[in-house]
């Protein structure tokens, strides 16, 4: 009986770990990547999205303002409206920004 309880507990721990790993966004395999630059307009922790006015990305997307998912939710804590960011985007994935970094302020 004790072994069954332990086995059930281990199975539950593995299931939780697997669901966390699956929920993390991973870049699409074999897709071409593009450098993304833009200005943060809005950060929405509830929907786990960020609205960005991005620069033109030849071969991927024209300049526009759009809401994006983020590959790592923790980045939402560091972003604020007005931040200039860089990220990576991939062909065929127009929803997610990967590897977001806040760009240093431009020198005057």
PDB file of N, CA and C in Angstrom:
ATOM      1  N   UNK A   1       0.831  -1.198   0.000  1.00  0.00           N
ATOM      2  CA  UNK A   1       0.000   0.000   0.000  1.00  0.00           C
ATOM      3  C   UNK A   1       0.871   1.255   0.000  1.00  0.00           C
ATOM      4  N   UNK A   2       1.903   1.278   0.836  1.00  0.00           N
ATOM      5  CA  UNK A   2       2.793   2.435   0.912  1.00  0.00           C
ATOM      6  C   UNK A   2       3.498   2.646  -0.425  1.00  0.00           C
ATOM      7  N   UNK A   3       3.909   1.572  -1.055  1.00  0.00           N
ATOM      8  CA  UNK A   3       4.582   1.686  -2.359  1.00  0.00           C
ATOM      9  C   UNK A   3       3.651   2.298  -3.399  1.00  0.00           C
ATOM     10  N   UNK A   4       2.375   1.945  -3.343  1.00  0.00           N
ATOM     11  CA  UNK A   4       1.423   2.502  -4.303  1.00  0.00           C
ATOM     12  C   UNK A   4       1.255   4.007  -4.078  1.00  0.00           C
ATOM     13  N   UNK A   5       1.196   4.431  -2.829  1.00  0.00           N
ATOM     14  CA  UNK A   5       1.066   5.850  -2.516  1.00  0.00           C
ATOM     15  C   UNK A   5       2.304   6.606  -3.008  1.00  0.00           C
ATOM     16  N   UNK A   6       3.471   6.042  -2.767  1.00  0.00           N
ATOM     17  CA  UNK A   6       4.715   6.673  -3.219  1.00  0.00           C
ATOM     18  C   UNK A   6       4.751   6.738  -4.748  1.00  0.00           C
ATOM     19  N   UNK A   7       4.372   5.632  -5.406  1.00  0.00           N
ATOM     20  CA  UNK A   7       4.367   5.610  -6.863  1.00  0.00           C
ATOM     21  C   UNK A   7       3.378   6.633  -7.419  1.00  0.00           C
ATOM     22  N   UNK A   8       2.206   6.742  -6.801  1.00  0.00           N
ATOM     23  CA  UNK A   8       1.217   7.717  -7.242  1.00  0.00           C
ATOM     24  C   UNK A   8       1.747   9.140  -7.058  1.00  0.00           C
ATOM     25  N   UNK A   9       2.394   9.394  -5.924  1.00  0.00           N
ATOM     26  CA  UNK A   9       2.982  10.708  -5.665  1.00  0.00           C
ATOM     27  C   UNK A   9       4.054  11.054  -6.687  1.00  0.00           C
ATOM     28  N   UNK A  10       4.895  10.098  -7.007  1.00  0.00           N
ATOM     29  CA  UNK A  10       5.949  10.327  -8.012  1.00  0.00           C
ATOM     30  C   UNK A  10       5.339  10.600  -9.382  1.00  0.00           C
ATOM     31  N   UNK A  11       4.296   9.868  -9.718  1.00  0.00           N
ATOM     32  CA  UNK A  11       3.629  10.077 -11.003  1.00  0.00           C
ATOM     33  C   UNK A  11       3.036  11.475 -11.078  1.00  0.00           C
ATOM     34  N   UNK A  12       2.464  11.949  -9.992  1.00  0.00           N
ATOM     35  CA  UNK A  12       1.880  13.284  -9.972  1.00  0.00           C
ATOM     36  C   UNK A  12       2.955  14.354 -10.132  1.00  0.00           C
ATOM     37  N   UNK A  13       4.082  14.173  -9.456  1.00  0.00           N
ATOM     38  CA  UNK A  13       5.189  15.125  -9.569  1.00  0.00           C
ATOM     39  C   UNK A  13       5.697  15.161 -11.011  1.00  0.00           C
ATOM     40  N   UNK A  14       5.835  14.009 -11.626  1.00  0.00           N
ATOM     41  CA  UNK A  14       6.289  13.949 -13.025  1.00  0.00           C
ATOM     42  C   UNK A  14       5.289  14.619 -13.961  1.00  0.00           C
ATOM     43  N   UNK A  15       4.001  14.419 -13.718  1.00  0.00           N
ATOM     44  CA  UNK A  15       2.977  15.029 -14.562  1.00  0.00           C
ATOM     45  C   UNK A  15       3.016  16.548 -14.461  1.00  0.00           C
ATOM     46  N   UNK A  16       3.202  17.071 -13.263  1.00  0.00           N
ATOM     47  CA  UNK A  16       3.276  18.526 -13.077  1.00  0.00           C
ATOM     48  C   UNK A  16       4.524  19.073 -13.775  1.00  0.00           C
ATOM     49  N   UNK A  17       5.644  18.410 -13.605  1.00  0.00           N
ATOM     50  CA  UNK A  17       6.882  18.863 -14.250  1.00  0.00           C
ATOM     51  C   UNK A  17       6.749  18.847 -15.769  1.00  0.00           C
ATOM     52  N   UNK A  18       6.123  17.826 -16.300  1.00  0.00           N
ATOM     53  CA  UNK A  18       5.932  17.732 -17.740  1.00  0.00           C
ATOM     54  C   UNK A  18       5.014  18.842 -18.245  1.00  0.00           C
ATOM     55  N   UNK A  19       3.948  19.132 -17.520  1.00  0.00           N
ATOM     56  CA  UNK A  19       3.033  20.185 -17.966  1.00  0.00           C
ATOM     57  C   UNK A  19       3.705  21.550 -17.942  1.00  0.00           C
ATOM     58  N   UNK A  20       4.581  21.794 -16.974  1.00  0.00           N
ATOM     59  CA  UNK A  20       5.322  23.056 -16.922  1.00  0.00           C
ATOM     60  C   UNK A  20       6.266  23.141 -18.116  1.00  0.00           C
ATOM     61  N   UNK A  21       6.956  22.057 -18.410  1.00  0.00           N
ATOM     62  CA  UNK A  21       7.892  22.047 -19.539  1.00  0.00           C
ATOM     63  C   UNK A  21       7.171  22.256 -20.858  1.00  0.00           C
ATOM     64  N   UNK A  22       6.011  21.652 -21.027  1.00  0.00           N
ATOM     65  CA  UNK A  22       5.255  21.783 -22.271  1.00  0.00           C
ATOM     66  C   UNK A  22       4.699  23.188 -22.426  1.00  0.00           C
ATOM     67  N   UNK A  23       4.335  23.832 -21.300  1.00  0.00           N
ATOM     68  CA  UNK A  23       3.735  25.161 -21.383  1.00  0.00           C
ATOM     69  C   UNK A  23       4.745  26.237 -21.782  1.00  0.00           C
ATOM     70  N   UNK A  24       6.020  26.004 -21.573  1.00  0.00           N
ATOM     71  CA  UNK A  24       7.041  26.973 -21.988  1.00  0.00           C
ATOM     72  C   UNK A  24       7.108  26.991 -23.508  1.00  0.00           C
ATOM     73  N   UNK A  25       7.167  28.170 -24.083  1.00  0.00           N
ATOM     74  CA  UNK A  25       7.211  28.313 -25.535  1.00  0.00           C
ATOM     75  C   UNK A  25       8.615  27.970 -26.024  1.00  0.00           C
ATOM     76  N   UNK A  26       8.675  27.118 -27.018  1.00  0.00           N
ATOM     77  CA  UNK A  26       9.958  26.799 -27.629  1.00  0.00           C
ATOM     78  C   UNK A  26       9.925  27.256 -29.080  1.00  0.00           C
ATOM     79  N   UNK A  27      11.049  27.711 -29.594  1.00  0.00           N
ATOM     80  CA  UNK A  27      11.084  28.179 -30.985  1.00  0.00           C
ATOM     81  C   UNK A  27      10.691  27.060 -31.945  1.00  0.00           C
ATOM     82  N   UNK A  28      10.012  27.414 -33.035  1.00  0.00           N
ATOM     83  CA  UNK A  28       9.651  26.403 -34.031  1.00  0.00           C
ATOM     84  C   UNK A  28      10.903  25.787 -34.661  1.00  0.00           C
ATOM     85  N   UNK A  29      10.975  24.481 -34.663  1.00  0.00           N
ATOM     86  CA  UNK A  29      12.145  23.788 -35.207  1.00  0.00           C
ATOM     87  C   UNK A  29      12.238  23.978 -36.720  1.00  0.00           C
ATOM     88  N   UNK A  30      13.428  24.272 -37.192  1.00  0.00           N
ATOM     89  CA  UNK A  30      13.682  24.368 -38.618  1.00  0.00           C
ATOM     90  C   UNK A  30      13.159  25.619 -39.300  1.00  0.00           C
ATOM     91  N   UNK A  31      12.655  26.571 -38.532  1.00  0.00           N
ATOM     92  CA  UNK A  31      12.122  27.799 -39.120  1.00  0.00           C
ATOM     93  C   UNK A  31      13.187  28.890 -39.104  1.00  0.00           C
ATOM     94  N   UNK A  32      13.162  29.748 -40.120  1.00  0.00           N
ATOM     95  CA  UNK A  32      14.123  30.850 -40.202  1.00  0.00           C
ATOM     96  C   UNK A  32      13.805  31.881 -39.120  1.00  0.00           C
ATOM     97  N   UNK A  33      14.851  32.369 -38.456  1.00  0.00           N
ATOM     98  CA  UNK A  33      14.657  33.390 -37.425  1.00  0.00           C
ATOM     99  C   UNK A  33      14.920  34.783 -37.992  1.00  0.00           C
ATOM    100  N   UNK A  34      14.296  35.780 -37.341  1.00  0.00           N
ATOM    101  CA  UNK A  34      14.443  37.180 -37.736  1.00  0.00           C
ATOM    102  C   UNK A  34      14.669  38.022 -36.486  1.00  0.00           C
ATOM    103  N   UNK A  35      15.489  39.053 -36.615  1.00  0.00           N
ATOM    104  CA  UNK A  35      15.716  39.996 -35.520  1.00  0.00           C
ATOM    105  C   UNK A  35      14.512  40.935 -35.432  1.00  0.00           C
ATOM    106  N   UNK A  36      13.977  41.100 -34.243  1.00  0.00           N
ATOM    107  CA  UNK A  36      12.792  41.918 -33.984  1.00  0.00           C
ATOM    108  C   UNK A  36      13.204  43.095 -33.108  1.00  0.00           C
ATOM    109  N   UNK A  37      12.753  44.297 -33.462  1.00  0.00           N
ATOM    110  CA  UNK A  37      12.998  45.493 -32.654  1.00  0.00           C
ATOM    111  C   UNK A  37      11.686  46.252 -32.557  1.00  0.00           C
ATOM    112  N   UNK A  38      11.439  46.826 -31.393  1.00  0.00           N
ATOM    113  CA  UNK A  38      10.219  47.603 -31.258  1.00  0.00           C
ATOM    114  C   UNK A  38      10.125  48.319 -29.928  1.00  0.00           C
ATOM    115  N   UNK A  39       9.035  49.086 -29.790  1.00  0.00           N
ATOM    116  CA  UNK A  39       8.772  49.853 -28.579  1.00  0.00           C
ATOM    117  C   UNK A  39       7.549  49.270 -27.881  1.00  0.00           C
ATOM    118  N   UNK A  40       7.694  48.969 -26.588  1.00  0.00           N
ATOM    119  CA  UNK A  40       6.592  48.412 -25.804  1.00  0.00           C
ATOM    120  C   UNK A  40       5.525  49.484 -25.609  1.00  0.00           C
ATOM    121  N   UNK A  41       4.297  49.152 -25.974  1.00  0.00           N
ATOM    122  CA  UNK A  41       3.160  50.052 -25.787  1.00  0.00           C
ATOM    123  C   UNK A  41       2.358  49.675 -24.535  1.00  0.00           C
ATOM    124  N   UNK A  42       2.264  48.367 -24.257  1.00  0.00           N
ATOM    125  CA  UNK A  42       1.443  47.895 -23.139  1.00  0.00           C
ATOM    126  C   UNK A  42       1.947  46.533 -22.681  1.00  0.00           C
ATOM    127  N   UNK A  43       1.896  46.303 -21.370  1.00  0.00           N
ATOM    128  CA  UNK A  43       2.226  45.007 -20.788  1.00  0.00           C
ATOM    129  C   UNK A  43       0.983  44.532 -20.046  1.00  0.00           C
ATOM    130  N   UNK A  44       0.495  43.339 -20.360  1.00  0.00           N
ATOM    131  CA  UNK A  44      -0.712  42.808 -19.736  1.00  0.00           C
ATOM    132  C   UNK A  44      -0.414  41.469 -19.066  1.00  0.00           C
ATOM    133  N   UNK A  45      -0.087  41.503 -17.750  1.00  0.00           N
ATOM    134  CA  UNK A  45       0.235  40.259 -17.049  1.00  0.00           C
ATOM    135  C   UNK A  45      -0.937  39.270 -16.996  1.00  0.00           C
ATOM    136  N   UNK A  46      -2.171  39.774 -17.015  1.00  0.00           N
ATOM    137  CA  UNK A  46      -3.335  38.875 -16.951  1.00  0.00           C
ATOM    138  C   UNK A  46      -3.406  37.965 -18.174  1.00  0.00           C
ATOM    139  N   UNK A  47      -3.211  38.535 -19.352  1.00  0.00           N
ATOM    140  CA  UNK A  47      -3.262  37.736 -20.583  1.00  0.00           C
ATOM    141  C   UNK A  47      -1.883  37.203 -20.969  1.00  0.00           C
ATOM    142  N   UNK A  48      -0.862  37.635 -20.222  1.00  0.00           N
ATOM    143  CA  UNK A  48       0.527  37.228 -20.471  1.00  0.00           C
ATOM    144  C   UNK A  48       0.972  37.648 -21.874  1.00  0.00           C
ATOM    145  N   UNK A  49       0.593  38.903 -22.225  1.00  0.00           N
ATOM    146  CA  UNK A  49       0.939  39.418 -23.542  1.00  0.00           C
ATOM    147  C   UNK A  49       1.544  40.814 -23.429  1.00  0.00           C
ATOM    148  N   UNK A  50       2.256  41.187 -24.475  1.00  0.00           N
ATOM    149  CA  UNK A  50       2.865  42.507 -24.553  1.00  0.00           C
ATOM    150  C   UNK A  50       2.506  43.102 -25.920  1.00  0.00           C
ATOM    151  N   UNK A  51       2.104  44.362 -25.910  1.00  0.00           N
ATOM    152  CA  UNK A  51       1.793  45.055 -27.159  1.00  0.00           C
ATOM    153  C   UNK A  51       3.006  45.876 -27.556  1.00  0.00           C
ATOM    154  N   UNK A  52       3.462  45.675 -28.799  1.00  0.00           N
ATOM    155  CA  UNK A  52       4.697  46.299 -29.270  1.00  0.00           C
ATOM    156  C   UNK A  52       4.465  46.949 -30.630  1.00  0.00           C
ATOM    157  N   UNK A  53       5.027  48.146 -30.788  1.00  0.00           N
ATOM    158  CA  UNK A  53       5.072  48.813 -32.084  1.00  0.00           C
ATOM    159  C   UNK A  53       6.419  48.426 -32.685  1.00  0.00           C
ATOM    160  N   UNK A  54       6.399  47.436 -33.603  1.00  0.00           N
ATOM    161  CA  UNK A  54       7.664  46.916 -34.123  1.00  0.00           C
ATOM    162  C   UNK A  54       8.108  47.636 -35.386  1.00  0.00           C
ATOM    163  N   UNK A  55       9.414  47.597 -35.602  1.00  0.00           N
ATOM    164  CA  UNK A  55      10.007  48.110 -36.831  1.00  0.00           C
ATOM    165  C   UNK A  55       9.733  47.115 -37.956  1.00  0.00           C
ATOM    166  N   UNK A  56       9.892  47.566 -39.196  1.00  0.00           N
ATOM    167  CA  UNK A  56       9.747  46.682 -40.348  1.00  0.00           C
ATOM    168  C   UNK A  56      10.767  45.550 -40.255  1.00  0.00           C
ATOM    169  N   UNK A  57      10.309  44.334 -40.551  1.00  0.00           N
ATOM    170  CA  UNK A  57      11.187  43.166 -40.563  1.00  0.00           C
ATOM    171  C   UNK A  57      11.073  42.550 -41.955  1.00  0.00           C
ATOM    172  N   UNK A  58      12.015  42.890 -42.852  1.00  0.00           N
ATOM    173  CA  UNK A  58      11.924  42.399 -44.229  1.00  0.00           C
ATOM    174  C   UNK A  58      11.777  40.880 -44.283  1.00  0.00           C
ATOM    175  N   UNK A  59      10.807  40.438 -45.058  1.00  0.00           N
ATOM    176  CA  UNK A  59      10.579  39.002 -45.215  1.00  0.00           C
ATOM    177  C   UNK A  59       9.733  38.391 -44.120  1.00  0.00           C
ATOM    178  N   UNK A  60       9.320  39.210 -43.143  1.00  0.00           N
ATOM    179  CA  UNK A  60       8.510  38.645 -42.053  1.00  0.00           C
ATOM    180  C   UNK A  60       7.258  39.472 -41.797  1.00  0.00           C
ATOM    181  N   UNK A  61       7.408  40.768 -41.472  1.00  0.00           N
ATOM    182  CA  UNK A  61       6.254  41.600 -41.157  1.00  0.00           C
ATOM    183  C   UNK A  61       6.593  43.069 -41.334  1.00  0.00           C
ATOM    184  N   UNK A  62       5.592  43.815 -41.828  1.00  0.00           N
ATOM    185  CA  UNK A  62       5.749  45.264 -41.934  1.00  0.00           C
ATOM    186  C   UNK A  62       5.663  45.882 -40.538  1.00  0.00           C
ATOM    187  N   UNK A  63       6.047  47.137 -40.426  1.00  0.00           N
ATOM    188  CA  UNK A  63       5.944  47.857 -39.165  1.00  0.00           C
ATOM    189  C   UNK A  63       4.478  47.959 -38.762  1.00  0.00           C
ATOM    190  N   UNK A  64       4.173  47.591 -37.519  1.00  0.00           N
ATOM    191  CA  UNK A  64       2.807  47.689 -37.003  1.00  0.00           C
ATOM    192  C   UNK A  64       2.808  47.524 -35.491  1.00  0.00           C
ATOM    193  N   UNK A  65       1.691  47.854 -34.875  1.00  0.00           N
ATOM    194  CA  UNK A  65       1.522  47.632 -33.442  1.00  0.00           C
ATOM    195  C   UNK A  65       0.636  46.406 -33.270  1.00  0.00           C
ATOM    196  N   UNK A  66       1.118  45.452 -32.434  1.00  0.00           N
ATOM    197  CA  UNK A  66       0.422  44.189 -32.291  1.00  0.00           C
ATOM    198  C   UNK A  66       0.703  43.592 -30.911  1.00  0.00           C
ATOM    199  N   UNK A  67      -0.242  42.809 -30.397  1.00  0.00           N
ATOM    200  CA  UNK A  67      -0.050  42.097 -29.123  1.00  0.00           C
ATOM    201  C   UNK A  67       0.596  40.742 -29.409  1.00  0.00           C
ATOM    202  N   UNK A  68       1.581  40.404 -28.599  1.00  0.00           N
ATOM    203  CA  UNK A  68       2.328  39.158 -28.759  1.00  0.00           C
ATOM    204  C   UNK A  68       2.352  38.374 -27.453  1.00  0.00           C
ATOM    205  N   UNK A  69       2.417  37.042 -27.571  1.00  0.00           N
ATOM    206  CA  UNK A  69       2.731  36.180 -26.441  1.00  0.00           C
ATOM    207  C   UNK A  69       4.237  36.299 -26.222  1.00  0.00           C
ATOM    208  N   UNK A  70       4.686  35.919 -25.038  1.00  0.00           N
ATOM    209  CA  UNK A  70       6.123  35.907 -24.756  1.00  0.00           C
ATOM    210  C   UNK A  70       6.545  34.478 -24.461  1.00  0.00           C
ATOM    211  N   UNK A  71       7.784  34.132 -24.792  1.00  0.00           N
ATOM    212  CA  UNK A  71       8.234  32.764 -24.556  1.00  0.00           C
ATOM    213  C   UNK A  71       8.474  32.477 -23.078  1.00  0.00           C
ATOM    214  N   UNK A  72       8.775  33.524 -22.309  1.00  0.00           N
ATOM    215  CA  UNK A  72       9.025  33.357 -20.870  1.00  0.00           C
ATOM    216  C   UNK A  72       8.236  34.418 -20.115  1.00  0.00           C
ATOM    217  N   UNK A  73       7.265  33.976 -19.324  1.00  0.00           N
ATOM    218  CA  UNK A  73       6.394  34.901 -18.607  1.00  0.00           C
ATOM    219  C   UNK A  73       7.147  35.849 -17.682  1.00  0.00           C
ATOM    220  N   UNK A  74       8.266  35.420 -17.139  1.00  0.00           N
ATOM    221  CA  UNK A  74       9.031  36.236 -16.192  1.00  0.00           C
ATOM    222  C   UNK A  74       9.446  37.571 -16.796  1.00  0.00           C
ATOM    223  N   UNK A  75       9.618  37.622 -18.108  1.00  0.00           N
ATOM    224  CA  UNK A  75      10.043  38.862 -18.761  1.00  0.00           C
ATOM    225  C   UNK A  75       8.993  39.960 -18.605  1.00  0.00           C
ATOM    226  N   UNK A  76       7.729  39.588 -18.418  1.00  0.00           N
ATOM    227  CA  UNK A  76       6.665  40.583 -18.258  1.00  0.00           C
ATOM    228  C   UNK A  76       6.885  41.461 -17.030  1.00  0.00           C
ATOM    229  N   UNK A  77       7.574  40.941 -16.023  1.00  0.00           N
ATOM    230  CA  UNK A  77       7.850  41.709 -14.801  1.00  0.00           C
ATOM    231  C   UNK A  77       8.872  42.813 -15.051  1.00  0.00           C
ATOM    232  N   UNK A  78       9.714  42.629 -16.065  1.00  0.00           N
ATOM    233  CA  UNK A  78      10.785  43.586 -16.341  1.00  0.00           C
ATOM    234  C   UNK A  78      10.407  44.634 -17.388  1.00  0.00           C
ATOM    235  N   UNK A  79       9.354  44.366 -18.158  1.00  0.00           N
ATOM    236  CA  UNK A  79       8.977  45.275 -19.238  1.00  0.00           C
ATOM    237  C   UNK A  79       8.017  46.348 -18.766  1.00  0.00           C
ATOM    238  N   UNK A  80       8.135  47.530 -19.385  1.00  0.00           N
ATOM    239  CA  UNK A  80       7.185  48.614 -19.100  1.00  0.00           C
ATOM    240  C   UNK A  80       6.986  49.415 -20.381  1.00  0.00           C
ATOM    241  N   UNK A  81       5.826  50.077 -20.501  1.00  0.00           N
ATOM    242  CA  UNK A  81       5.587  50.892 -21.689  1.00  0.00           C
ATOM    243  C   UNK A  81       6.726  51.899 -21.901  1.00  0.00           C
ATOM    244  N   UNK A  82       7.116  52.036 -23.159  1.00  0.00           N
ATOM    245  CA  UNK A  82       8.208  52.940 -23.515  1.00  0.00           C
ATOM    246  C   UNK A  82       9.538  52.237 -23.710  1.00  0.00           C
ATOM    247  N   UNK A  83       9.682  51.015 -23.157  1.00  0.00           N
ATOM    248  CA  UNK A  83      10.930  50.267 -23.335  1.00  0.00           C
ATOM    249  C   UNK A  83      11.144  49.924 -24.797  1.00  0.00           C
ATOM    250  N   UNK A  84      12.375  50.076 -25.264  1.00  0.00           N
ATOM    251  CA  UNK A  84      12.787  49.586 -26.571  1.00  0.00           C
ATOM    252  C   UNK A  84      13.274  48.159 -26.351  1.00  0.00           C
ATOM    253  N   UNK A  85      12.789  47.217 -27.155  1.00  0.00           N
ATOM    254  CA  UNK A  85      13.183  45.828 -26.967  1.00  0.00           C
ATOM    255  C   UNK A  85      13.729  45.226 -28.253  1.00  0.00           C
ATOM    256  N   UNK A  86      14.466  44.141 -28.057  1.00  0.00           N
ATOM    257  CA  UNK A  86      14.858  43.281 -29.166  1.00  0.00           C
ATOM    258  C   UNK A  86      14.331  41.893 -28.821  1.00  0.00           C
ATOM    259  N   UNK A  87      14.099  41.101 -29.841  1.00  0.00           N
ATOM    260  CA  UNK A  87      13.622  39.732 -29.641  1.00  0.00           C
ATOM    261  C   UNK A  87      13.929  38.946 -30.911  1.00  0.00           C
ATOM    262  N   UNK A  88      13.551  37.696 -30.898  1.00  0.00           N
ATOM    263  CA  UNK A  88      13.672  36.843 -32.066  1.00  0.00           C
ATOM    264  C   UNK A  88      12.272  36.377 -32.445  1.00  0.00           C
ATOM    265  N   UNK A  89      11.970  36.378 -33.748  1.00  0.00           N
ATOM    266  CA  UNK A  89      10.718  35.846 -34.271  1.00  0.00           C
ATOM    267  C   UNK A  89      11.065  34.815 -35.345  1.00  0.00           C
ATOM    268  N   UNK A  90      10.089  33.969 -35.660  1.00  0.00           N
ATOM    269  CA  UNK A  90      10.335  32.876 -36.599  1.00  0.00           C
ATOM    270  C   UNK A  90       9.280  32.846 -37.693  1.00  0.00           C
ATOM    271  N   UNK A  91       9.701  32.444 -38.896  1.00  0.00           N
ATOM    272  CA  UNK A  91       8.765  32.284 -40.012  1.00  0.00           C
ATOM    273  C   UNK A  91       7.576  31.438 -39.570  1.00  0.00           C
ATOM    274  N   UNK A  92       6.383  31.898 -39.933  1.00  0.00           N
ATOM    275  CA  UNK A  92       5.166  31.153 -39.638  1.00  0.00           C
ATOM    276  C   UNK A  92       4.606  31.371 -38.253  1.00  0.00           C
ATOM    277  N   UNK A  93       5.353  32.007 -37.365  1.00  0.00           N
ATOM    278  CA  UNK A  93       4.880  32.256 -35.992  1.00  0.00           C
ATOM    279  C   UNK A  93       4.752  33.764 -35.808  1.00  0.00           C
ATOM    280  N   UNK A  94       3.537  34.258 -35.973  1.00  0.00           N
ATOM    281  CA  UNK A  94       3.284  35.694 -35.852  1.00  0.00           C
ATOM    282  C   UNK A  94       2.690  36.045 -34.493  1.00  0.00           C
ATOM    283  N   UNK A  95       2.792  35.133 -33.519  1.00  0.00           N
ATOM    284  CA  UNK A  95       2.167  35.345 -32.225  1.00  0.00           C
ATOM    285  C   UNK A  95       3.135  35.491 -31.065  1.00  0.00           C
ATOM    286  N   UNK A  96       4.344  34.955 -31.186  1.00  0.00           N
ATOM    287  CA  UNK A  96       5.228  34.859 -30.031  1.00  0.00           C
ATOM    288  C   UNK A  96       6.561  35.562 -30.255  1.00  0.00           C
ATOM    289  N   UNK A  97       7.007  36.285 -29.220  1.00  0.00           N
ATOM    290  CA  UNK A  97       8.343  36.876 -29.204  1.00  0.00           C
ATOM    291  C   UNK A  97       9.235  35.996 -28.336  1.00  0.00           C
ATOM    292  N   UNK A  98      10.401  35.669 -28.842  1.00  0.00           N
ATOM    293  CA  UNK A  98      11.348  34.804 -28.142  1.00  0.00           C
ATOM    294  C   UNK A  98      12.574  35.606 -27.725  1.00  0.00           C
ATOM    295  N   UNK A  99      13.117  35.265 -26.572  1.00  0.00           N
ATOM    296  CA  UNK A  99      14.376  35.846 -26.094  1.00  0.00           C
ATOM    297  C   UNK A  99      14.321  37.381 -26.059  1.00  0.00           C
ATOM    298  N   UNK A 100      13.286  37.910 -25.424  1.00  0.00           N
ATOM    299  CA  UNK A 100      13.112  39.370 -25.336  1.00  0.00           C
ATOM    300  C   UNK A 100      14.177  39.976 -24.440  1.00  0.00           C
ATOM    301  N   UNK A 101      14.742  41.076 -24.898  1.00  0.00           N
ATOM    302  CA  UNK A 101      15.710  41.828 -24.101  1.00  0.00           C
ATOM    303  C   UNK A 101      15.380  43.318 -24.222  1.00  0.00           C
ATOM    304  N   UNK A 102      15.508  44.031 -23.107  1.00  0.00           N
ATOM    305  CA  UNK A 102      15.330  45.478 -23.135  1.00  0.00           C
ATOM    306  C   UNK A 102      16.610  46.085 -23.686  1.00  0.00           C
ATOM    307  N   UNK A 103      16.463  46.890 -24.722  1.00  0.00           N
ATOM    308  CA  UNK A 103      17.622  47.532 -25.349  1.00  0.00           C
ATOM    309  C   UNK A 103      18.090  48.700 -24.488  1.00  0.00           C
ATOM    310  N   UNK A 104      19.397  48.927 -24.410  1.00  0.00           N
ATOM    311  CA  UNK A 104      19.877  50.085 -23.645  1.00  0.00           C
ATOM    312  C   UNK A 104      19.387  51.375 -24.286  1.00  0.00           C
ATOM    313  N   UNK A 105      19.160  52.409 -23.472  1.00  0.00           N
ATOM    314  CA  UNK A 105      18.705  53.693 -24.028  1.00  0.00           C
ATOM    315  C   UNK A 105      19.702  54.232 -25.047  1.00  0.00           C
ATOM    316  N   UNK A 106      19.180  54.875 -26.079  1.00  0.00           N
ATOM    317  CA  UNK A 106      20.041  55.458 -27.120  1.00  0.00           C
ATOM    318  C   UNK A 106      20.824  56.617 -26.538  1.00  0.00           C
ATOM    319  N   UNK A 107      22.091  56.715 -26.935  1.00  0.00           N
ATOM    320  CA  UNK A 107      22.928  57.828 -26.469  1.00  0.00           C
ATOM    321  C   UNK A 107      22.536  59.101 -27.188  1.00  0.00           C
ATOM    322  N   UNK A 108      22.530  60.201 -26.481  1.00  0.00           N
ATOM    323  CA  UNK A 108      22.141  61.484 -27.077  1.00  0.00           C
ATOM    324  C   UNK A 108      23.350  62.278 -27.459  1.00  0.00           C
TER     325      UNK A 108
END
